[in-house]
């Protein structure tokens, strides 16, 4: 599974719509998460969603997102999860222990 996490410093970025950096995390059974960071640009929602799709993202984990952008992303088959005020290192430690994102709290599927 490939997860995109907008980041701001050491934290999940407050609003995906305005984020300028993405952490891409590849996870799978029996292996440690692999991650890479890349710049992203503020664009119209359809282009932002297309960017995630072109990166092969299965799930977006963010701190906040506009309803309009979330709709565009979900329309491309990408799950959107909102995780409130978490440090990226907390999430990476959680994934490294092979936990499911379904157990990541607090989180809401949009």
PDB file of N, CA and C in Angstrom:
ATOM      1  N   UNK A   1       0.842  -1.169   0.000  1.00  0.00           N
ATOM      2  CA  UNK A   1       0.000   0.000   0.000  1.00  0.00           C
ATOM      3  C   UNK A   1       0.891   1.237   0.000  1.00  0.00           C
ATOM      4  N   UNK A   2       0.480   2.235  -0.766  1.00  0.00           N
ATOM      5  CA  UNK A   2       1.216   3.491  -0.822  1.00  0.00           C
ATOM      6  C   UNK A   2       0.365   4.590  -0.180  1.00  0.00           C
ATOM      7  N   UNK A   3       0.966   5.262   0.809  1.00  0.00           N
ATOM      8  CA  UNK A   3       0.285   6.299   1.576  1.00  0.00           C
ATOM      9  C   UNK A   3       0.975   7.629   1.324  1.00  0.00           C
ATOM     10  N   UNK A   4       0.195   8.677   1.107  1.00  0.00           N
ATOM     11  CA  UNK A   4       0.730  10.034   0.985  1.00  0.00           C
ATOM     12  C   UNK A   4       0.360  10.795   2.252  1.00  0.00           C
ATOM     13  N   UNK A   5       1.353  11.503   2.805  1.00  0.00           N
ATOM     14  CA  UNK A   5       1.153  12.292   4.015  1.00  0.00           C
ATOM     15  C   UNK A   5       1.705  13.686   3.758  1.00  0.00           C
ATOM     16  N   UNK A   6       0.858  14.703   3.697  1.00  0.00           N
ATOM     17  CA  UNK A   6       1.391  16.059   3.573  1.00  0.00           C
ATOM     18  C   UNK A   6       2.086  16.435   4.874  1.00  0.00           C
ATOM     19  N   UNK A   7       3.273  17.023   4.767  1.00  0.00           N
ATOM     20  CA  UNK A   7       4.031  17.318   5.983  1.00  0.00           C
ATOM     21  C   UNK A   7       4.426  18.789   6.049  1.00  0.00           C
ATOM     22  N   UNK A   8       4.576  19.226   7.279  1.00  0.00           N
ATOM     23  CA  UNK A   8       5.050  20.571   7.585  1.00  0.00           C
ATOM     24  C   UNK A   8       6.004  20.426   8.768  1.00  0.00           C
ATOM     25  N   UNK A   9       7.293  20.490   8.495  1.00  0.00           N
ATOM     26  CA  UNK A   9       8.278  20.214   9.539  1.00  0.00           C
ATOM     27  C   UNK A   9       8.176  18.757   9.947  1.00  0.00           C
ATOM     28  N   UNK A  10       8.007  18.512  11.238  1.00  0.00           N
ATOM     29  CA  UNK A  10       7.907  17.148  11.759  1.00  0.00           C
ATOM     30  C   UNK A  10       6.468  16.701  11.972  1.00  0.00           C
ATOM     31  N   UNK A  11       5.523  17.474  11.479  1.00  0.00           N
ATOM     32  CA  UNK A  11       4.106  17.211  11.723  1.00  0.00           C
ATOM     33  C   UNK A  11       3.358  16.931  10.428  1.00  0.00           C
ATOM     34  N   UNK A  12       2.244  16.231  10.562  1.00  0.00           N
ATOM     35  CA  UNK A  12       1.320  16.120   9.445  1.00  0.00           C
ATOM     36  C   UNK A  12       0.794  17.532   9.202  1.00  0.00           C
ATOM     37  N   UNK A  13       0.863  18.002   7.960  1.00  0.00           N
ATOM     38  CA  UNK A  13       0.489  19.381   7.640  1.00  0.00           C
ATOM     39  C   UNK A  13      -0.956  19.668   8.041  1.00  0.00           C
ATOM     40  N   UNK A  14      -1.235  20.896   8.489  1.00  0.00           N
ATOM     41  CA  UNK A  14      -2.574  21.218   8.979  1.00  0.00           C
ATOM     42  C   UNK A  14      -3.672  21.107   7.914  1.00  0.00           C
ATOM     43  N   UNK A  15      -3.371  21.464   6.661  1.00  0.00           N
ATOM     44  CA  UNK A  15      -4.385  21.399   5.593  1.00  0.00           C
ATOM     45  C   UNK A  15      -3.715  20.904   4.316  1.00  0.00           C
ATOM     46  N   UNK A  16      -4.188  19.782   3.789  1.00  0.00           N
ATOM     47  CA  UNK A  16      -3.583  19.217   2.584  1.00  0.00           C
ATOM     48  C   UNK A  16      -3.652  20.193   1.410  1.00  0.00           C
ATOM     49  N   UNK A  17      -4.731  20.939   1.302  1.00  0.00           N
ATOM     50  CA  UNK A  17      -4.921  21.863   0.179  1.00  0.00           C
ATOM     51  C   UNK A  17      -3.744  22.824   0.004  1.00  0.00           C
ATOM     52  N   UNK A  18      -3.078  23.190   1.097  1.00  0.00           N
ATOM     53  CA  UNK A  18      -1.995  24.176   1.062  1.00  0.00           C
ATOM     54  C   UNK A  18      -0.609  23.565   1.270  1.00  0.00           C
ATOM     55  N   UNK A  19      -0.515  22.266   1.413  1.00  0.00           N
ATOM     56  CA  UNK A  19       0.771  21.611   1.696  1.00  0.00           C
ATOM     57  C   UNK A  19       1.713  21.703   0.499  1.00  0.00           C
ATOM     58  N   UNK A  20       3.004  21.831   0.797  1.00  0.00           N
ATOM     59  CA  UNK A  20       4.006  21.919  -0.270  1.00  0.00           C
ATOM     60  C   UNK A  20       5.011  20.770  -0.233  1.00  0.00           C
ATOM     61  N   UNK A  21       4.846  19.844   0.732  1.00  0.00           N
ATOM     62  CA  UNK A  21       5.716  18.663   0.804  1.00  0.00           C
ATOM     63  C   UNK A  21       4.869  17.435   1.098  1.00  0.00           C
ATOM     64  N   UNK A  22       5.204  16.341   0.436  1.00  0.00           N
ATOM     65  CA  UNK A  22       4.522  15.067   0.651  1.00  0.00           C
ATOM     66  C   UNK A  22       5.527  14.017   1.077  1.00  0.00           C
ATOM     67  N   UNK A  23       5.143  13.244   2.067  1.00  0.00           N
ATOM     68  CA  UNK A  23       5.903  12.060   2.439  1.00  0.00           C
ATOM     69  C   UNK A  23       5.153  10.886   1.827  1.00  0.00           C
ATOM     70  N   UNK A  24       5.832  10.112   1.002  1.00  0.00           N
ATOM     71  CA  UNK A  24       5.243   8.924   0.383  1.00  0.00           C
ATOM     72  C   UNK A  24       5.783   7.714   1.135  1.00  0.00           C
ATOM     73  N   UNK A  25       4.874   6.889   1.646  1.00  0.00           N
ATOM     74  CA  UNK A  25       5.260   5.732   2.444  1.00  0.00           C
ATOM     75  C   UNK A  25       4.691   4.476   1.794  1.00  0.00           C
ATOM     76  N   UNK A  26       5.563   3.518   1.531  1.00  0.00           N
ATOM     77  CA  UNK A  26       5.155   2.218   1.008  1.00  0.00           C
ATOM     78  C   UNK A  26       5.211   1.213   2.145  1.00  0.00           C
ATOM     79  N   UNK A  27       4.081   0.554   2.408  1.00  0.00           N
ATOM     80  CA  UNK A  27       4.028  -0.435   3.473  1.00  0.00           C
ATOM     81  C   UNK A  27       3.470  -1.740   2.928  1.00  0.00           C
ATOM     82  N   UNK A  28       3.837  -2.818   3.584  1.00  0.00           N
ATOM     83  CA  UNK A  28       3.338  -4.127   3.208  1.00  0.00           C
ATOM     84  C   UNK A  28       3.659  -5.125   4.297  1.00  0.00           C
ATOM     85  N   UNK A  29       2.992  -6.266   4.285  1.00  0.00           N
ATOM     86  CA  UNK A  29       3.226  -7.272   5.318  1.00  0.00           C
ATOM     87  C   UNK A  29       4.680  -7.723   5.352  1.00  0.00           C
ATOM     88  N   UNK A  30       5.231  -7.791   6.560  1.00  0.00           N
ATOM     89  CA  UNK A  30       6.563  -8.347   6.738  1.00  0.00           C
ATOM     90  C   UNK A  30       7.714  -7.466   6.312  1.00  0.00           C
ATOM     91  N   UNK A  31       7.452  -6.196   6.021  1.00  0.00           N
ATOM     92  CA  UNK A  31       8.573  -5.324   5.644  1.00  0.00           C
ATOM     93  C   UNK A  31       8.438  -3.966   6.332  1.00  0.00           C
ATOM     94  N   UNK A  32       9.567  -3.344   6.550  1.00  0.00           N
ATOM     95  CA  UNK A  32       9.582  -2.019   7.162  1.00  0.00           C
ATOM     96  C   UNK A  32       9.057  -0.992   6.160  1.00  0.00           C
ATOM     97  N   UNK A  33       8.377   0.029   6.645  1.00  0.00           N
ATOM     98  CA  UNK A  33       7.903   1.073   5.724  1.00  0.00           C
ATOM     99  C   UNK A  33       9.076   1.750   5.020  1.00  0.00           C
ATOM    100  N   UNK A  34       8.922   1.980   3.740  1.00  0.00           N
ATOM    101  CA  UNK A  34       9.911   2.721   2.958  1.00  0.00           C
ATOM    102  C   UNK A  34       9.311   4.088   2.672  1.00  0.00           C
ATOM    103  N   UNK A  35      10.121   5.122   2.805  1.00  0.00           N
ATOM    104  CA  UNK A  35       9.580   6.462   2.634  1.00  0.00           C
ATOM    105  C   UNK A  35      10.458   7.324   1.756  1.00  0.00           C
ATOM    106  N   UNK A  36       9.810   8.263   1.090  1.00  0.00           N
ATOM    107  CA  UNK A  36      10.514   9.269   0.307  1.00  0.00           C
ATOM    108  C   UNK A  36       9.715  10.566   0.420  1.00  0.00           C
ATOM    109  N   UNK A  37      10.430  11.667   0.303  1.00  0.00           N
ATOM    110  CA  UNK A  37       9.796  12.973   0.416  1.00  0.00           C
ATOM    111  C   UNK A  37       9.917  13.691  -0.914  1.00  0.00           C
ATOM    112  N   UNK A  38       8.856  14.400  -1.314  1.00  0.00           N
ATOM    113  CA  UNK A  38       8.915  15.147  -2.546  1.00  0.00           C
ATOM    114  C   UNK A  38       8.118  16.430  -2.438  1.00  0.00           C
ATOM    115  N   UNK A  39       8.510  17.429  -3.218  1.00  0.00           N
ATOM    116  CA  UNK A  39       7.751  18.675  -3.204  1.00  0.00           C
ATOM    117  C   UNK A  39       6.440  18.494  -3.961  1.00  0.00           C
ATOM    118  N   UNK A  40       5.463  19.251  -3.582  1.00  0.00           N
ATOM    119  CA  UNK A  40       4.199  19.278  -4.305  1.00  0.00           C
ATOM    120  C   UNK A  40       3.783  20.733  -4.396  1.00  0.00           C
ATOM    121  N   UNK A  41       2.869  21.039  -5.279  1.00  0.00           N
ATOM    122  CA  UNK A  41       2.517  22.432  -5.508  1.00  0.00           C
ATOM    123  C   UNK A  41       1.018  22.621  -5.307  1.00  0.00           C
ATOM    124  N   UNK A  42       0.658  23.779  -4.809  1.00  0.00           N
ATOM    125  CA  UNK A  42      -0.756  24.101  -4.637  1.00  0.00           C
ATOM    126  C   UNK A  42      -1.343  24.271  -6.032  1.00  0.00           C
ATOM    127  N   UNK A  43      -2.355  23.452  -6.317  1.00  0.00           N
ATOM    128  CA  UNK A  43      -2.979  23.431  -7.639  1.00  0.00           C
ATOM    129  C   UNK A  43      -4.487  23.320  -7.463  1.00  0.00           C
ATOM    130  N   UNK A  44      -5.226  23.458  -8.564  1.00  0.00           N
ATOM    131  CA  UNK A  44      -6.663  23.200  -8.486  1.00  0.00           C
ATOM    132  C   UNK A  44      -6.916  21.751  -8.027  1.00  0.00           C
ATOM    133  N   UNK A  45      -8.057  21.494  -7.391  1.00  0.00           N
ATOM    134  CA  UNK A  45      -8.341  20.165  -6.825  1.00  0.00           C
ATOM    135  C   UNK A  45      -8.210  19.007  -7.809  1.00  0.00           C
ATOM    136  N   UNK A  46      -8.673  19.183  -9.051  1.00  0.00           N
ATOM    137  CA  UNK A  46      -8.587  18.075 -10.003  1.00  0.00           C
ATOM    138  C   UNK A  46      -7.133  17.720 -10.306  1.00  0.00           C
ATOM    139  N   UNK A  47      -6.257  18.714 -10.388  1.00  0.00           N
ATOM    140  CA  UNK A  47      -4.841  18.458 -10.651  1.00  0.00           C
ATOM    141  C   UNK A  47      -4.157  17.851  -9.428  1.00  0.00           C
ATOM    142  N   UNK A  48      -4.553  18.290  -8.255  1.00  0.00           N
ATOM    143  CA  UNK A  48      -3.981  17.753  -7.015  1.00  0.00           C
ATOM    144  C   UNK A  48      -4.333  16.270  -6.896  1.00  0.00           C
ATOM    145  N   UNK A  49      -5.587  15.922  -7.198  1.00  0.00           N
ATOM    146  CA  UNK A  49      -6.020  14.525  -7.151  1.00  0.00           C
ATOM    147  C   UNK A  49      -5.297  13.694  -8.214  1.00  0.00           C
ATOM    148  N   UNK A  50      -5.130  14.252  -9.398  1.00  0.00           N
ATOM    149  CA  UNK A  50      -4.416  13.550 -10.469  1.00  0.00           C
ATOM    150  C   UNK A  50      -2.962  13.290 -10.081  1.00  0.00           C
ATOM    151  N   UNK A  51      -2.355  14.240  -9.363  1.00  0.00           N
ATOM    152  CA  UNK A  51      -0.977  14.059  -8.902  1.00  0.00           C
ATOM    153  C   UNK A  51      -0.876  12.833  -7.981  1.00  0.00           C
ATOM    154  N   UNK A  52      -1.797  12.720  -7.033  1.00  0.00           N
ATOM    155  CA  UNK A  52      -1.786  11.565  -6.129  1.00  0.00           C
ATOM    156  C   UNK A  52      -1.975  10.263  -6.903  1.00  0.00           C
ATOM    157  N   UNK A  53      -2.899  10.282  -7.856  1.00  0.00           N
ATOM    158  CA  UNK A  53      -3.141   9.079  -8.664  1.00  0.00           C
ATOM    159  C   UNK A  53      -1.894   8.707  -9.469  1.00  0.00           C
ATOM    160  N   UNK A  54      -1.210   9.695 -10.047  1.00  0.00           N
ATOM    161  CA  UNK A  54      -0.016   9.404 -10.853  1.00  0.00           C
ATOM    162  C   UNK A  54       1.120   8.854  -9.998  1.00  0.00           C
ATOM    163  N   UNK A  55       1.106   9.179  -8.704  1.00  0.00           N
ATOM    164  CA  UNK A  55       2.116   8.651  -7.781  1.00  0.00           C
ATOM    165  C   UNK A  55       1.758   7.244  -7.290  1.00  0.00           C
ATOM    166  N   UNK A  56       0.585   6.750  -7.654  1.00  0.00           N
ATOM    167  CA  UNK A  56       0.172   5.419  -7.236  1.00  0.00           C
ATOM    168  C   UNK A  56      -0.309   5.361  -5.793  1.00  0.00           C
ATOM    169  N   UNK A  57      -0.789   6.491  -5.277  1.00  0.00           N
ATOM    170  CA  UNK A  57      -1.231   6.571  -3.884  1.00  0.00           C
ATOM    171  C   UNK A  57      -2.559   5.835  -3.692  1.00  0.00           C
ATOM    172  N   UNK A  58      -2.623   5.019  -2.628  1.00  0.00           N
ATOM    173  CA  UNK A  58      -3.848   4.315  -2.256  1.00  0.00           C
ATOM    174  C   UNK A  58      -4.625   5.053  -1.174  1.00  0.00           C
ATOM    175  N   UNK A  59      -3.884   5.804  -0.330  1.00  0.00           N
ATOM    176  CA  UNK A  59      -4.512   6.472   0.798  1.00  0.00           C
ATOM    177  C   UNK A  59      -3.783   7.776   1.090  1.00  0.00           C
ATOM    178  N   UNK A  60      -4.567   8.815   1.401  1.00  0.00           N
ATOM    179  CA  UNK A  60      -4.033  10.086   1.858  1.00  0.00           C
ATOM    180  C   UNK A  60      -4.354  10.211   3.340  1.00  0.00           C
ATOM    181  N   UNK A  61      -3.331  10.443   4.167  1.00  0.00           N
ATOM    182  CA  UNK A  61      -3.527  10.695   5.596  1.00  0.00           C
ATOM    183  C   UNK A  61      -3.157  12.151   5.823  1.00  0.00           C
ATOM    184  N   UNK A  62      -4.121  12.954   6.243  1.00  0.00           N
ATOM    185  CA  UNK A  62      -3.862  14.379   6.427  1.00  0.00           C
ATOM    186  C   UNK A  62      -4.540  14.885   7.692  1.00  0.00           C
ATOM    187  N   UNK A  63      -4.187  16.088   8.084  1.00  0.00           N
ATOM    188  CA  UNK A  63      -4.754  16.697   9.285  1.00  0.00           C
ATOM    189  C   UNK A  63      -6.064  17.405   8.963  1.00  0.00           C
ATOM    190  N   UNK A  64      -6.186  17.902   7.742  1.00  0.00           N
ATOM    191  CA  UNK A  64      -7.395  18.583   7.301  1.00  0.00           C
ATOM    192  C   UNK A  64      -7.399  18.684   5.791  1.00  0.00           C
ATOM    193  N   UNK A  65      -8.596  18.803   5.217  1.00  0.00           N
ATOM    194  CA  UNK A  65      -8.740  18.878   3.762  1.00  0.00           C
ATOM    195  C   UNK A  65     -10.106  19.471   3.447  1.00  0.00           C
ATOM    196  N   UNK A  66     -10.179  20.234   2.375  1.00  0.00           N
ATOM    197  CA  UNK A  66     -11.478  20.785   1.977  1.00  0.00           C
ATOM    198  C   UNK A  66     -12.366  19.663   1.439  1.00  0.00           C
ATOM    199  N   UNK A  67     -13.661  19.827   1.600  1.00  0.00           N
ATOM    200  CA  UNK A  67     -14.597  18.820   1.088  1.00  0.00           C
ATOM    201  C   UNK A  67     -14.458  18.647  -0.419  1.00  0.00           C
ATOM    202  N   UNK A  68     -14.259  19.746  -1.122  1.00  0.00           N
ATOM    203  CA  UNK A  68     -14.148  19.686  -2.591  1.00  0.00           C
ATOM    204  C   UNK A  68     -12.948  18.841  -3.018  1.00  0.00           C
ATOM    205  N   UNK A  69     -11.790  19.100  -2.427  1.00  0.00           N
ATOM    206  CA  UNK A  69     -10.597  18.340  -2.787  1.00  0.00           C
ATOM    207  C   UNK A  69     -10.754  16.876  -2.382  1.00  0.00           C
ATOM    208  N   UNK A  70     -11.326  16.621  -1.217  1.00  0.00           N
ATOM    209  CA  UNK A  70     -11.543  15.235  -0.784  1.00  0.00           C
ATOM    210  C   UNK A  70     -12.425  14.488  -1.787  1.00  0.00           C
ATOM    211  N   UNK A  71     -13.442  15.150  -2.312  1.00  0.00           N
ATOM    212  CA  UNK A  71     -14.320  14.506  -3.318  1.00  0.00           C
ATOM    213  C   UNK A  71     -13.537  14.144  -4.572  1.00  0.00           C
ATOM    214  N   UNK A  72     -12.680  15.052  -5.058  1.00  0.00           N
ATOM    215  CA  UNK A  72     -11.872  14.769  -6.251  1.00  0.00           C
ATOM    216  C   UNK A  72     -10.942  13.577  -6.008  1.00  0.00           C
ATOM    217  N   UNK A  73     -10.359  13.524  -4.839  1.00  0.00           N
ATOM    218  CA  UNK A  73      -9.422  12.443  -4.514  1.00  0.00           C
ATOM    219  C   UNK A  73     -10.156  11.109  -4.404  1.00  0.00           C
ATOM    220  N   UNK A  74     -11.273  11.094  -3.697  1.00  0.00           N
ATOM    221  CA  UNK A  74     -12.055   9.855  -3.564  1.00  0.00           C
ATOM    222  C   UNK A  74     -12.567   9.377  -4.920  1.00  0.00           C
ATOM    223  N   UNK A  75     -12.894  10.307  -5.815  1.00  0.00           N
ATOM    224  CA  UNK A  75     -13.379   9.939  -7.150  1.00  0.00           C
ATOM    225  C   UNK A  75     -12.320   9.176  -7.940  1.00  0.00           C
ATOM    226  N   UNK A  76     -11.069   9.322  -7.560  1.00  0.00           N
ATOM    227  CA  UNK A  76      -9.974   8.590  -8.213  1.00  0.00           C
ATOM    228  C   UNK A  76      -9.636   7.296  -7.480  1.00  0.00           C
ATOM    229  N   UNK A  77     -10.495   6.917  -6.514  1.00  0.00           N
ATOM    230  CA  UNK A  77     -10.311   5.648  -5.810  1.00  0.00           C
ATOM    231  C   UNK A  77      -9.304   5.692  -4.682  1.00  0.00           C
ATOM    232  N   UNK A  78      -8.958   6.882  -4.227  1.00  0.00           N
ATOM    233  CA  UNK A  78      -7.982   7.041  -3.150  1.00  0.00           C
ATOM    234  C   UNK A  78      -8.731   7.324  -1.849  1.00  0.00           C
ATOM    235  N   UNK A  79      -8.425   6.561  -0.811  1.00  0.00           N
ATOM    236  CA  UNK A  79      -9.060   6.760   0.481  1.00  0.00           C
ATOM    237  C   UNK A  79      -8.468   7.994   1.153  1.00  0.00           C
ATOM    238  N   UNK A  80      -9.310   8.767   1.833  1.00  0.00           N
ATOM    239  CA  UNK A  80      -8.866   9.960   2.553  1.00  0.00           C
ATOM    240  C   UNK A  80      -9.109   9.728   4.038  1.00  0.00           C
ATOM    241  N   UNK A  81      -8.027   9.843   4.829  1.00  0.00           N
ATOM    242  CA  UNK A  81      -8.119   9.696   6.297  1.00  0.00           C
ATOM    243  C   UNK A  81      -7.617  10.975   6.943  1.00  0.00           C
ATOM    244  N   UNK A  82      -8.367  11.464   7.907  1.00  0.00           N
ATOM    245  CA  UNK A  82      -7.974  12.664   8.637  1.00  0.00           C
ATOM    246  C   UNK A  82      -7.458  12.233  10.001  1.00  0.00           C
ATOM    247  N   UNK A  83      -6.241  12.646  10.312  1.00  0.00           N
ATOM    248  CA  UNK A  83      -5.592  12.305  11.575  1.00  0.00           C
ATOM    249  C   UNK A  83      -5.223  13.598  12.276  1.00  0.00           C
ATOM    250  N   UNK A  84      -5.753  13.798  13.469  1.00  0.00           N
ATOM    251  CA  UNK A  84      -5.635  15.087  14.124  1.00  0.00           C
ATOM    252  C   UNK A  84      -4.302  15.297  14.832  1.00  0.00           C
ATOM    253  N   UNK A  85      -3.587  16.368  14.425  1.00  0.00           N
ATOM    254  CA  UNK A  85      -2.388  16.867  15.102  1.00  0.00           C
ATOM    255  C   UNK A  85      -1.417  15.780  15.550  1.00  0.00           C
ATOM    256  N   UNK A  86      -0.846  15.089  14.619  1.00  0.00           N
ATOM    257  CA  UNK A  86       0.101  14.026  14.944  1.00  0.00           C
ATOM    258  C   UNK A  86       1.468  14.328  14.346  1.00  0.00           C
ATOM    259  N   UNK A  87       2.486  13.897  15.057  1.00  0.00           N
ATOM    260  CA  UNK A  87       3.851  13.992  14.539  1.00  0.00           C
ATOM    261  C   UNK A  87       4.064  12.878  13.523  1.00  0.00           C
ATOM    262  N   UNK A  88       4.795  13.177  12.469  1.00  0.00           N
ATOM    263  CA  UNK A  88       5.091  12.186  11.437  1.00  0.00           C
ATOM    264  C   UNK A  88       5.830  10.998  12.050  1.00  0.00           C
ATOM    265  N   UNK A  89       6.751  11.264  12.991  1.00  0.00           N
ATOM    266  CA  UNK A  89       7.506  10.162  13.609  1.00  0.00           C
ATOM    267  C   UNK A  89       6.579   9.199  14.359  1.00  0.00           C
ATOM    268  N   UNK A  90       5.501   9.719  14.963  1.00  0.00           N
ATOM    269  CA  UNK A  90       4.525   8.839  15.632  1.00  0.00           C
ATOM    270  C   UNK A  90       3.878   7.895  14.635  1.00  0.00           C
ATOM    271  N   UNK A  91       3.477   8.440  13.501  1.00  0.00           N
ATOM    272  CA  UNK A  91       2.840   7.616  12.475  1.00  0.00           C
ATOM    273  C   UNK A  91       3.819   6.597  11.912  1.00  0.00           C
ATOM    274  N   UNK A  92       5.061   6.995  11.644  1.00  0.00           N
ATOM    275  CA  UNK A  92       6.048   6.073  11.089  1.00  0.00           C
ATOM    276  C   UNK A  92       6.365   4.953  12.085  1.00  0.00           C
ATOM    277  N   UNK A  93       6.461   5.267  13.363  1.00  0.00           N
ATOM    278  CA  UNK A  93       6.690   4.233  14.386  1.00  0.00           C
ATOM    279  C   UNK A  93       5.515   3.265  14.431  1.00  0.00           C
ATOM    280  N   UNK A  94       4.331   3.799  14.346  1.00  0.00           N
ATOM    281  CA  UNK A  94       3.118   2.985  14.355  1.00  0.00           C
ATOM    282  C   UNK A  94       3.126   2.013  13.168  1.00  0.00           C
ATOM    283  N   UNK A  95       3.449   2.511  11.981  1.00  0.00           N
ATOM    284  CA  UNK A  95       3.479   1.662  10.780  1.00  0.00           C
ATOM    285  C   UNK A  95       4.614   0.652  10.834  1.00  0.00           C
ATOM    286  N   UNK A  96       5.756   1.040  11.402  1.00  0.00           N
ATOM    287  CA  UNK A  96       6.905   0.133  11.499  1.00  0.00           C
ATOM    288  C   UNK A  96       6.582  -1.075  12.376  1.00  0.00           C
ATOM    289  N   UNK A  97       5.673  -0.899  13.327  1.00  0.00           N
ATOM    290  CA  UNK A  97       5.249  -2.002  14.190  1.00  0.00           C
ATOM    291  C   UNK A  97       4.162  -2.860  13.541  1.00  0.00           C
ATOM    292  N   UNK A  98       3.921  -2.626  12.243  1.00  0.00           N
ATOM    293  CA  UNK A  98       2.960  -3.378  11.434  1.00  0.00           C
ATOM    294  C   UNK A  98       1.532  -3.288  11.950  1.00  0.00           C
ATOM    295  N   UNK A  99       1.188  -2.127  12.492  1.00  0.00           N
ATOM    296  CA  UNK A  99      -0.194  -1.886  12.868  1.00  0.00           C
ATOM    297  C   UNK A  99      -0.981  -1.489  11.630  1.00  0.00           C
ATOM    298  N   UNK A 100      -2.274  -1.694  11.677  1.00  0.00           N
ATOM    299  CA  UNK A 100      -3.160  -1.258  10.609  1.00  0.00           C
ATOM    300  C   UNK A 100      -3.522   0.204  10.819  1.00  0.00           C
ATOM    301  N   UNK A 101      -3.660   0.944   9.735  1.00  0.00           N
ATOM    302  CA  UNK A 101      -4.095   2.335   9.865  1.00  0.00           C
ATOM    303  C   UNK A 101      -5.508   2.425  10.428  1.00  0.00           C
ATOM    304  N   UNK A 102      -6.257   1.324  10.387  1.00  0.00           N
ATOM    305  CA  UNK A 102      -7.584   1.320  10.995  1.00  0.00           C
ATOM    306  C   UNK A 102      -7.501   1.508  12.506  1.00  0.00           C
ATOM    307  N   UNK A 103      -6.340   1.197  13.099  1.00  0.00           N
ATOM    308  CA  UNK A 103      -6.142   1.347  14.533  1.00  0.00           C
ATOM    309  C   UNK A 103      -5.517   2.688  14.900  1.00  0.00           C
ATOM    310  N   UNK A 104      -5.156   3.483  13.921  1.00  0.00           N
ATOM    311  CA  UNK A 104      -4.513   4.786  14.146  1.00  0.00           C
ATOM    312  C   UNK A 104      -5.566   5.762  14.643  1.00  0.00           C
ATOM    313  N   UNK A 105      -5.392   6.308  15.809  1.00  0.00           N
ATOM    314  CA  UNK A 105      -6.393   7.189  16.427  1.00  0.00           C
ATOM    315  C   UNK A 105      -5.793   8.546  16.717  1.00  0.00           C
ATOM    316  N   UNK A 106      -6.515   9.615  16.702  1.00  0.00           N
ATOM    317  CA  UNK A 106      -7.865   9.669  16.158  1.00  0.00           C
ATOM    318  C   UNK A 106      -7.804   9.786  14.643  1.00  0.00           C
ATOM    319  N   UNK A 107      -8.642   9.092  13.986  1.00  0.00           N
ATOM    320  CA  UNK A 107      -8.701   9.177  12.530  1.00  0.00           C
ATOM    321  C   UNK A 107     -10.136   9.043  12.088  1.00  0.00           C
ATOM    322  N   UNK A 108     -10.456   9.730  11.019  1.00  0.00           N
ATOM    323  CA  UNK A 108     -11.800   9.716  10.459  1.00  0.00           C
ATOM    324  C   UNK A 108     -11.651   9.467   8.975  1.00  0.00           C
ATOM    325  N   UNK A 109     -12.420   8.542   8.450  1.00  0.00           N
ATOM    326  CA  UNK A 109     -12.434   8.327   6.998  1.00  0.00           C
ATOM    327  C   UNK A 109     -13.438   9.280   6.401  1.00  0.00           C
ATOM    328  N   UNK A 110     -12.995  10.024   5.387  1.00  0.00           N
ATOM    329  CA  UNK A 110     -13.903  10.990   4.748  1.00  0.00           C
ATOM    330  C   UNK A 110     -14.497  10.387   3.493  1.00  0.00           C
TER     331      UNK A 110
END
